[in-house]
Amino acid sequence: MQMFVEPSCIYLHRDIVDFRKSINGLSLIVEQELAMNIYSSALFVFCNKQRDKLKILYWDRTVVQAIRKAKIKMTKTW
């Protein structure tokens, strides 16, 4: 993944997330449930109910970006 900034931390939101949520919905989860600042240099990782897709949210100093990765093969359960 090519990014403009190196992430300081990576946070995994372990609860299931409705993947119809956009950047605004995921940002609310970061701010309200995780009590974190979306404008930090961290990556926030979310998964769907089947845990075969990921959404990654991060701030690149200009705009909040959301990346979606589909059909991942999990080797460990979480």
PDB file of N, CA and C in Angstrom:
ATOM      1  N   MET A   1       0.841  -1.162   0.000  1.00  0.00           N
ATOM      2  CA  MET A   1       0.000   0.000   0.000  1.00  0.00           C
ATOM      3  C   MET A   1       0.893   1.234   0.000  1.00  0.00           C
ATOM      4  N   GLN A   2       0.706   2.119  -0.932  1.00  0.00           N
ATOM      5  CA  GLN A   2       1.484   3.357  -1.035  1.00  0.00           C
ATOM      6  C   GLN A   2       0.743   4.465  -0.297  1.00  0.00           C
ATOM      7  N   MET A   3       1.394   5.081   0.704  1.00  0.00           N
ATOM      8  CA  MET A   3       0.779   6.161   1.461  1.00  0.00           C
ATOM      9  C   MET A   3       1.733   7.340   1.524  1.00  0.00           C
ATOM     10  N   PHE A   4       1.153   8.492   1.803  1.00  0.00           N
ATOM     11  CA  PHE A   4       1.963   9.693   1.930  1.00  0.00           C
ATOM     12  C   PHE A   4       2.649   9.770   3.290  1.00  0.00           C
ATOM     13  N   VAL A   5       2.042   9.205   4.319  1.00  0.00           N
ATOM     14  CA  VAL A   5       2.599   9.244   5.671  1.00  0.00           C
ATOM     15  C   VAL A   5       2.741   7.821   6.201  1.00  0.00           C
ATOM     16  N   GLU A   6       3.729   7.616   7.038  1.00  0.00           N
ATOM     17  CA  GLU A   6       3.886   6.328   7.705  1.00  0.00           C
ATOM     18  C   GLU A   6       2.964   6.294   8.919  1.00  0.00           C
ATOM     19  N   PRO A   7       2.182   5.240   9.101  1.00  0.00           N
ATOM     20  CA  PRO A   7       1.285   5.181  10.256  1.00  0.00           C
ATOM     21  C   PRO A   7       2.077   5.006  11.550  1.00  0.00           C
ATOM     22  N   SER A   8       1.650   5.754  12.570  1.00  0.00           N
ATOM     23  CA  SER A   8       2.301   5.621  13.874  1.00  0.00           C
ATOM     24  C   SER A   8       1.809   4.380  14.609  1.00  0.00           C
ATOM     25  N   CYS A   9       0.529   4.060  14.444  1.00  0.00           N
ATOM     26  CA  CYS A   9      -0.090   2.903  15.094  1.00  0.00           C
ATOM     27  C   CYS A   9      -1.148   2.312  14.166  1.00  0.00           C
ATOM     28  N   ILE A  10      -1.497   1.067  14.430  1.00  0.00           N
ATOM     29  CA  ILE A  10      -2.578   0.411  13.709  1.00  0.00           C
ATOM     30  C   ILE A  10      -3.575  -0.085  14.747  1.00  0.00           C
ATOM     31  N   TYR A  11      -4.835   0.354  14.612  1.00  0.00           N
ATOM     32  CA  TYR A  11      -5.879  -0.025  15.550  1.00  0.00           C
ATOM     33  C   TYR A  11      -6.899  -0.903  14.839  1.00  0.00           C
ATOM     34  N   LEU A  12      -7.210  -2.045  15.439  1.00  0.00           N
ATOM     35  CA  LEU A  12      -8.178  -2.983  14.893  1.00  0.00           C
ATOM     36  C   LEU A  12      -9.472  -2.863  15.680  1.00  0.00           C
ATOM     37  N   HIS A  13     -10.540  -2.500  14.993  1.00  0.00           N
ATOM     38  CA  HIS A  13     -11.869  -2.466  15.613  1.00  0.00           C
ATOM     39  C   HIS A  13     -12.423  -3.878  15.516  1.00  0.00           C
ATOM     40  N   ARG A  14     -12.519  -4.566  16.641  1.00  0.00           N
ATOM     41  CA  ARG A  14     -12.839  -5.996  16.632  1.00  0.00           C
ATOM     42  C   ARG A  14     -14.306  -6.296  16.410  1.00  0.00           C
ATOM     43  N   ASP A  15     -15.184  -5.339  16.667  1.00  0.00           N
ATOM     44  CA  ASP A  15     -16.615  -5.567  16.458  1.00  0.00           C
ATOM     45  C   ASP A  15     -16.944  -5.547  14.966  1.00  0.00           C
ATOM     46  N   ILE A  16     -18.058  -6.160  14.639  1.00  0.00           N
ATOM     47  CA  ILE A  16     -18.514  -6.206  13.252  1.00  0.00           C
ATOM     48  C   ILE A  16     -18.984  -4.811  12.833  1.00  0.00           C
ATOM     49  N   VAL A  17     -18.667  -4.445  11.589  1.00  0.00           N
ATOM     50  CA  VAL A  17     -19.065  -3.150  11.046  1.00  0.00           C
ATOM     51  C   VAL A  17     -19.887  -3.370   9.787  1.00  0.00           C
ATOM     52  N   ASP A  18     -20.975  -2.627   9.662  1.00  0.00           N
ATOM     53  CA  ASP A  18     -21.777  -2.642   8.445  1.00  0.00           C
ATOM     54  C   ASP A  18     -20.971  -1.960   7.340  1.00  0.00           C
ATOM     55  N   PHE A  19     -20.653  -2.694   6.303  1.00  0.00           N
ATOM     56  CA  PHE A  19     -19.778  -2.163   5.254  1.00  0.00           C
ATOM     57  C   PHE A  19     -20.486  -1.204   4.306  1.00  0.00           C
ATOM     58  N   ARG A  20     -21.747  -0.909   4.559  1.00  0.00           N
ATOM     59  CA  ARG A  20     -22.404   0.153   3.808  1.00  0.00           C
ATOM     60  C   ARG A  20     -22.015   1.516   4.355  1.00  0.00           C
ATOM     61  N   LYS A  21     -21.374   1.524   5.526  1.00  0.00           N
ATOM     62  CA  LYS A  21     -20.914   2.785   6.106  1.00  0.00           C
ATOM     63  C   LYS A  21     -19.821   3.389   5.236  1.00  0.00           C
ATOM     64  N   SER A  22     -19.884   4.698   5.092  1.00  0.00           N
ATOM     65  CA  SER A  22     -18.873   5.407   4.312  1.00  0.00           C
ATOM     66  C   SER A  22     -17.796   5.945   5.250  1.00  0.00           C
ATOM     67  N   ILE A  23     -16.989   6.837   4.743  1.00  0.00           N
ATOM     68  CA  ILE A  23     -15.923   7.443   5.549  1.00  0.00           C
ATOM     69  C   ILE A  23     -16.510   8.150   6.769  1.00  0.00           C
ATOM     70  N   ASN A  24     -17.636   8.832   6.601  1.00  0.00           N
ATOM     71  CA  ASN A  24     -18.247   9.549   7.724  1.00  0.00           C
ATOM     72  C   ASN A  24     -18.687   8.595   8.831  1.00  0.00           C
ATOM     73  N   GLY A  25     -19.321   7.482   8.463  1.00  0.00           N
ATOM     74  CA  GLY A  25     -19.765   6.508   9.458  1.00  0.00           C
ATOM     75  C   GLY A  25     -18.616   5.848  10.190  1.00  0.00           C
ATOM     76  N   LEU A  26     -17.563   5.515   9.453  1.00  0.00           N
ATOM     77  CA  LEU A  26     -16.388   4.909  10.083  1.00  0.00           C
ATOM     78  C   LEU A  26     -15.660   5.924  10.965  1.00  0.00           C
ATOM     79  N   SER A  27     -15.641   7.179  10.552  1.00  0.00           N
ATOM     80  CA  SER A  27     -15.013   8.227  11.366  1.00  0.00           C
ATOM     81  C   SER A  27     -15.736   8.391  12.693  1.00  0.00           C
ATOM     82  N   LEU A  28     -17.068   8.286  12.670  1.00  0.00           N
ATOM     83  CA  LEU A  28     -17.836   8.362  13.917  1.00  0.00           C
ATOM     84  C   LEU A  28     -17.491   7.211  14.855  1.00  0.00           C
ATOM     85  N   ILE A  29     -17.299   6.015  14.312  1.00  0.00           N
ATOM     86  CA  ILE A  29     -16.906   4.870  15.139  1.00  0.00           C
ATOM     87  C   ILE A  29     -15.557   5.142  15.794  1.00  0.00           C
ATOM     88  N   VAL A  30     -14.612   5.672  15.028  1.00  0.00           N
ATOM     89  CA  VAL A  30     -13.285   5.975  15.573  1.00  0.00           C
ATOM     90  C   VAL A  30     -13.396   6.989  16.705  1.00  0.00           C
ATOM     91  N   GLU A  31     -14.173   8.043  16.493  1.00  0.00           N
ATOM     92  CA  GLU A  31     -14.260   9.104  17.492  1.00  0.00           C
ATOM     93  C   GLU A  31     -15.107   8.721  18.696  1.00  0.00           C
ATOM     94  N   GLN A  32     -16.231   8.031  18.482  1.00  0.00           N
ATOM     95  CA  GLN A  32     -17.148   7.752  19.585  1.00  0.00           C
ATOM     96  C   GLN A  32     -16.862   6.438  20.302  1.00  0.00           C
ATOM     97  N   GLU A  33     -16.651   5.352  19.567  1.00  0.00           N
ATOM     98  CA  GLU A  33     -16.448   4.059  20.213  1.00  0.00           C
ATOM     99  C   GLU A  33     -15.000   3.842  20.643  1.00  0.00           C
ATOM    100  N   LEU A  34     -14.066   4.257  19.803  1.00  0.00           N
ATOM    101  CA  LEU A  34     -12.653   4.058  20.139  1.00  0.00           C
ATOM    102  C   LEU A  34     -12.068   5.234  20.905  1.00  0.00           C
ATOM    103  N   ALA A  35     -12.789   6.364  20.916  1.00  0.00           N
ATOM    104  CA  ALA A  35     -12.322   7.592  21.581  1.00  0.00           C
ATOM    105  C   ALA A  35     -10.932   8.002  21.092  1.00  0.00           C
ATOM    106  N   MET A  36     -10.770   7.936  19.775  1.00  0.00           N
ATOM    107  CA  MET A  36      -9.494   8.295  19.143  1.00  0.00           C
ATOM    108  C   MET A  36      -9.732   9.468  18.198  1.00  0.00           C
ATOM    109  N   ASN A  37      -8.643  10.106  17.810  1.00  0.00           N
ATOM    110  CA  ASN A  37      -8.707  11.211  16.871  1.00  0.00           C
ATOM    111  C   ASN A  37      -8.482  10.669  15.459  1.00  0.00           C
ATOM    112  N   ILE A  38      -9.438  10.885  14.580  1.00  0.00           N
ATOM    113  CA  ILE A  38      -9.325  10.390  13.206  1.00  0.00           C
ATOM    114  C   ILE A  38      -8.178  11.069  12.468  1.00  0.00           C
ATOM    115  N   TYR A  39      -7.788  12.259  12.907  1.00  0.00           N
ATOM    116  CA  TYR A  39      -6.744  13.028  12.236  1.00  0.00           C
ATOM    117  C   TYR A  39      -5.345  12.734  12.779  1.00  0.00           C
ATOM    118  N   SER A  40      -5.196  11.638  13.472  1.00  0.00           N
ATOM    119  CA  SER A  40      -3.861  11.206  13.885  1.00  0.00           C
ATOM    120  C   SER A  40      -3.224  10.471  12.704  1.00  0.00           C
ATOM    121  N   SER A  41      -2.013  10.058  12.860  1.00  0.00           N
ATOM    122  CA  SER A  41      -1.344   9.350  11.755  1.00  0.00           C
ATOM    123  C   SER A  41      -1.492   7.835  11.878  1.00  0.00           C
ATOM    124  N   ALA A  42      -2.579   7.387  12.486  1.00  0.00           N
ATOM    125  CA  ALA A  42      -2.810   5.958  12.703  1.00  0.00           C
ATOM    126  C   ALA A  42      -3.709   5.381  11.615  1.00  0.00           C
ATOM    127  N   LEU A  43      -3.632   4.063  11.455  1.00  0.00           N
ATOM    128  CA  LEU A  43      -4.549   3.322  10.589  1.00  0.00           C
ATOM    129  C   LEU A  43      -5.631   2.704  11.461  1.00  0.00           C
ATOM    130  N   PHE A  44      -6.863   2.739  10.986  1.00  0.00           N
ATOM    131  CA  PHE A  44      -7.982   2.124  11.685  1.00  0.00           C
ATOM    132  C   PHE A  44      -8.559   1.052  10.767  1.00  0.00           C
ATOM    133  N   VAL A  45      -8.581  -0.194  11.255  1.00  0.00           N
ATOM    134  CA  VAL A  45      -8.973  -1.340  10.435  1.00  0.00           C
ATOM    135  C   VAL A  45     -10.307  -1.874  10.945  1.00  0.00           C
ATOM    136  N   PHE A  46     -11.243  -2.098  10.012  1.00  0.00           N
ATOM    137  CA  PHE A  46     -12.581  -2.593  10.316  1.00  0.00           C
ATOM    138  C   PHE A  46     -12.837  -3.853   9.492  1.00  0.00           C
ATOM    139  N   CYS A  47     -13.697  -4.751  10.016  1.00  0.00           N
ATOM    140  CA  CYS A  47     -14.030  -5.966   9.271  1.00  0.00           C
ATOM    141  C   CYS A  47     -15.545  -6.127   9.190  1.00  0.00           C
ATOM    142  N   ASN A  48     -15.984  -6.946   8.232  1.00  0.00           N
ATOM    143  CA  ASN A  48     -17.408  -7.214   8.071  1.00  0.00           C
ATOM    144  C   ASN A  48     -17.816  -8.433   8.899  1.00  0.00           C
ATOM    145  N   LYS A  49     -19.089  -8.810   8.799  1.00  0.00           N
ATOM    146  CA  LYS A  49     -19.616  -9.905   9.612  1.00  0.00           C
ATOM    147  C   LYS A  49     -18.948 -11.241   9.304  1.00  0.00           C
ATOM    148  N   GLN A  50     -18.682 -11.508   8.033  1.00  0.00           N
ATOM    149  CA  GLN A  50     -18.057 -12.774   7.651  1.00  0.00           C
ATOM    150  C   GLN A  50     -16.542 -12.755   7.863  1.00  0.00           C
ATOM    151  N   ARG A  51     -16.009 -11.601   8.166  1.00  0.00           N
ATOM    152  CA  ARG A  51     -14.566 -11.404   8.381  1.00  0.00           C
ATOM    153  C   ARG A  51     -13.739 -11.825   7.166  1.00  0.00           C
ATOM    154  N   ASP A  52     -14.275 -11.532   5.993  1.00  0.00           N
ATOM    155  CA  ASP A  52     -13.515 -11.798   4.774  1.00  0.00           C
ATOM    156  C   ASP A  52     -13.223 -10.514   3.987  1.00  0.00           C
ATOM    157  N   LYS A  53     -13.599  -9.373   4.556  1.00  0.00           N
ATOM    158  CA  LYS A  53     -13.316  -8.083   3.937  1.00  0.00           C
ATOM    159  C   LYS A  53     -12.805  -7.116   4.998  1.00  0.00           C
ATOM    160  N   LEU A  54     -11.944  -6.217   4.588  1.00  0.00           N
ATOM    161  CA  LEU A  54     -11.412  -5.187   5.477  1.00  0.00           C
ATOM    162  C   LEU A  54     -11.646  -3.812   4.885  1.00  0.00           C
ATOM    163  N   LYS A  55     -11.840  -2.833   5.755  1.00  0.00           N
ATOM    164  CA  LYS A  55     -11.813  -1.430   5.368  1.00  0.00           C
ATOM    165  C   LYS A  55     -10.777  -0.761   6.253  1.00  0.00           C
ATOM    166  N   ILE A  56      -9.914   0.018   5.630  1.00  0.00           N
ATOM    167  CA  ILE A  56      -8.853   0.716   6.351  1.00  0.00           C
ATOM    168  C   ILE A  56      -9.081   2.204   6.189  1.00  0.00           C
ATOM    169  N   LEU A  57      -9.078   2.909   7.297  1.00  0.00           N
ATOM    170  CA  LEU A  57      -9.309   4.349   7.310  1.00  0.00           C
ATOM    171  C   LEU A  57      -8.050   5.031   7.813  1.00  0.00           C
ATOM    172  N   TYR A  58      -7.606   6.084   7.111  1.00  0.00           N
ATOM    173  CA  TYR A  58      -6.443   6.830   7.582  1.00  0.00           C
ATOM    174  C   TYR A  58      -6.463   8.262   7.066  1.00  0.00           C
ATOM    175  N   TRP A  59      -5.755   9.121   7.751  1.00  0.00           N
ATOM    176  CA  TRP A  59      -5.622  10.536   7.420  1.00  0.00           C
ATOM    177  C   TRP A  59      -4.251  10.727   6.788  1.00  0.00           C
ATOM    178  N   ASP A  60      -4.206  11.261   5.572  1.00  0.00           N
ATOM    179  CA  ASP A  60      -2.921  11.446   4.897  1.00  0.00           C
ATOM    180  C   ASP A  60      -2.462  12.905   4.893  1.00  0.00           C
ATOM    181  N   ARG A  61      -2.929  13.672   5.859  1.00  0.00           N
ATOM    182  CA  ARG A  61      -2.621  15.099   6.055  1.00  0.00           C
ATOM    183  C   ARG A  61      -3.341  16.019   5.090  1.00  0.00           C
ATOM    184  N   THR A  62      -4.104  15.475   4.178  1.00  0.00           N
ATOM    185  CA  THR A  62      -4.913  16.303   3.294  1.00  0.00           C
ATOM    186  C   THR A  62      -6.375  15.878   3.305  1.00  0.00           C
ATOM    187  N   VAL A  63      -6.618  14.581   3.398  1.00  0.00           N
ATOM    188  CA  VAL A  63      -7.983  14.058   3.348  1.00  0.00           C
ATOM    189  C   VAL A  63      -8.019  12.690   4.034  1.00  0.00           C
ATOM    190  N   VAL A  64      -9.191  12.327   4.566  1.00  0.00           N
ATOM    191  CA  VAL A  64      -9.365  10.994   5.142  1.00  0.00           C
ATOM    192  C   VAL A  64      -9.598  10.022   3.985  1.00  0.00           C
ATOM    193  N   GLN A  65      -8.833   8.943   3.958  1.00  0.00           N
ATOM    194  CA  GLN A  65      -8.917   7.941   2.905  1.00  0.00           C
ATOM    195  C   GLN A  65      -9.531   6.657   3.458  1.00  0.00           C
ATOM    196  N   ALA A  66     -10.286   5.963   2.635  1.00  0.00           N
ATOM    197  CA  ALA A  66     -10.818   4.646   2.989  1.00  0.00           C
ATOM    198  C   ALA A  66     -10.403   3.665   1.909  1.00  0.00           C
ATOM    199  N   ILE A  67      -9.812   2.573   2.320  1.00  0.00           N
ATOM    200  CA  ILE A  67      -9.372   1.529   1.398  1.00  0.00           C
ATOM    201  C   ILE A  67     -10.155   0.273   1.723  1.00  0.00           C
ATOM    202  N   ARG A  68     -10.654  -0.398   0.707  1.00  0.00           N
ATOM    203  CA  ARG A  68     -11.415  -1.630   0.922  1.00  0.00           C
ATOM    204  C   ARG A  68     -10.664  -2.801   0.301  1.00  0.00           C
ATOM    205  N   LYS A  69     -10.505  -3.846   1.081  1.00  0.00           N
ATOM    206  CA  LYS A  69      -9.858  -5.068   0.615  1.00  0.00           C
ATOM    207  C   LYS A  69     -10.871  -6.193   0.734  1.00  0.00           C
ATOM    208  N   ALA A  70     -11.172  -6.847  -0.373  1.00  0.00           N
ATOM    209  CA  ALA A  70     -12.188  -7.897  -0.382  1.00  0.00           C
ATOM    210  C   ALA A  70     -11.573  -9.264  -0.509  1.00  0.00           C
ATOM    211  N   LYS A  71     -12.296 -10.249  -0.005  1.00  0.00           N
ATOM    212  CA  LYS A  71     -11.943 -11.668  -0.125  1.00  0.00           C
ATOM    213  C   LYS A  71     -10.550 -11.976   0.386  1.00  0.00           C
ATOM    214  N   ILE A  72     -10.311 -11.643   1.628  1.00  0.00           N
ATOM    215  CA  ILE A  72      -9.042 -11.998   2.237  1.00  0.00           C
ATOM    216  C   ILE A  72      -9.154 -13.384   2.865  1.00  0.00           C
ATOM    217  N   LYS A  73      -8.066 -14.081   2.932  1.00  0.00           N
ATOM    218  CA  LYS A  73      -8.052 -15.396   3.568  1.00  0.00           C
ATOM    219  C   LYS A  73      -7.393 -15.240   4.932  1.00  0.00           C
ATOM    220  N   MET A  74      -8.193 -15.459   5.977  1.00  0.00           N
ATOM    221  CA  MET A  74      -7.700 -15.308   7.331  1.00  0.00           C
ATOM    222  C   MET A  74      -7.029 -16.609   7.781  1.00  0.00           C
ATOM    223  N   THR A  75      -5.844 -16.488   8.329  1.00  0.00           N
ATOM    224  CA  THR A  75      -5.152 -17.666   8.854  1.00  0.00           C
ATOM    225  C   THR A  75      -5.383 -17.810  10.351  1.00  0.00           C
ATOM    226  N   LYS A  76      -5.778 -16.726  10.995  1.00  0.00           N
ATOM    227  CA  LYS A  76      -6.065 -16.755  12.438  1.00  0.00           C
ATOM    228  C   LYS A  76      -7.454 -16.166  12.665  1.00  0.00           C
ATOM    229  N   THR A  77      -8.152 -16.650  13.675  1.00  0.00           N
ATOM    230  CA  THR A  77      -9.464 -16.085  13.994  1.00  0.00           C
ATOM    231  C   THR A  77      -9.279 -14.977  15.023  1.00  0.00           C
ATOM    232  N   TRP A  78     -10.128 -13.953  14.908  1.00  0.00           N
ATOM    233  CA  TRP A  78     -10.076 -12.824  15.842  1.00  0.00           C
ATOM    234  C   TRP A  78     -11.437 -12.256  16.041  1.00  0.00           C
TER     235      TRP A  78
END
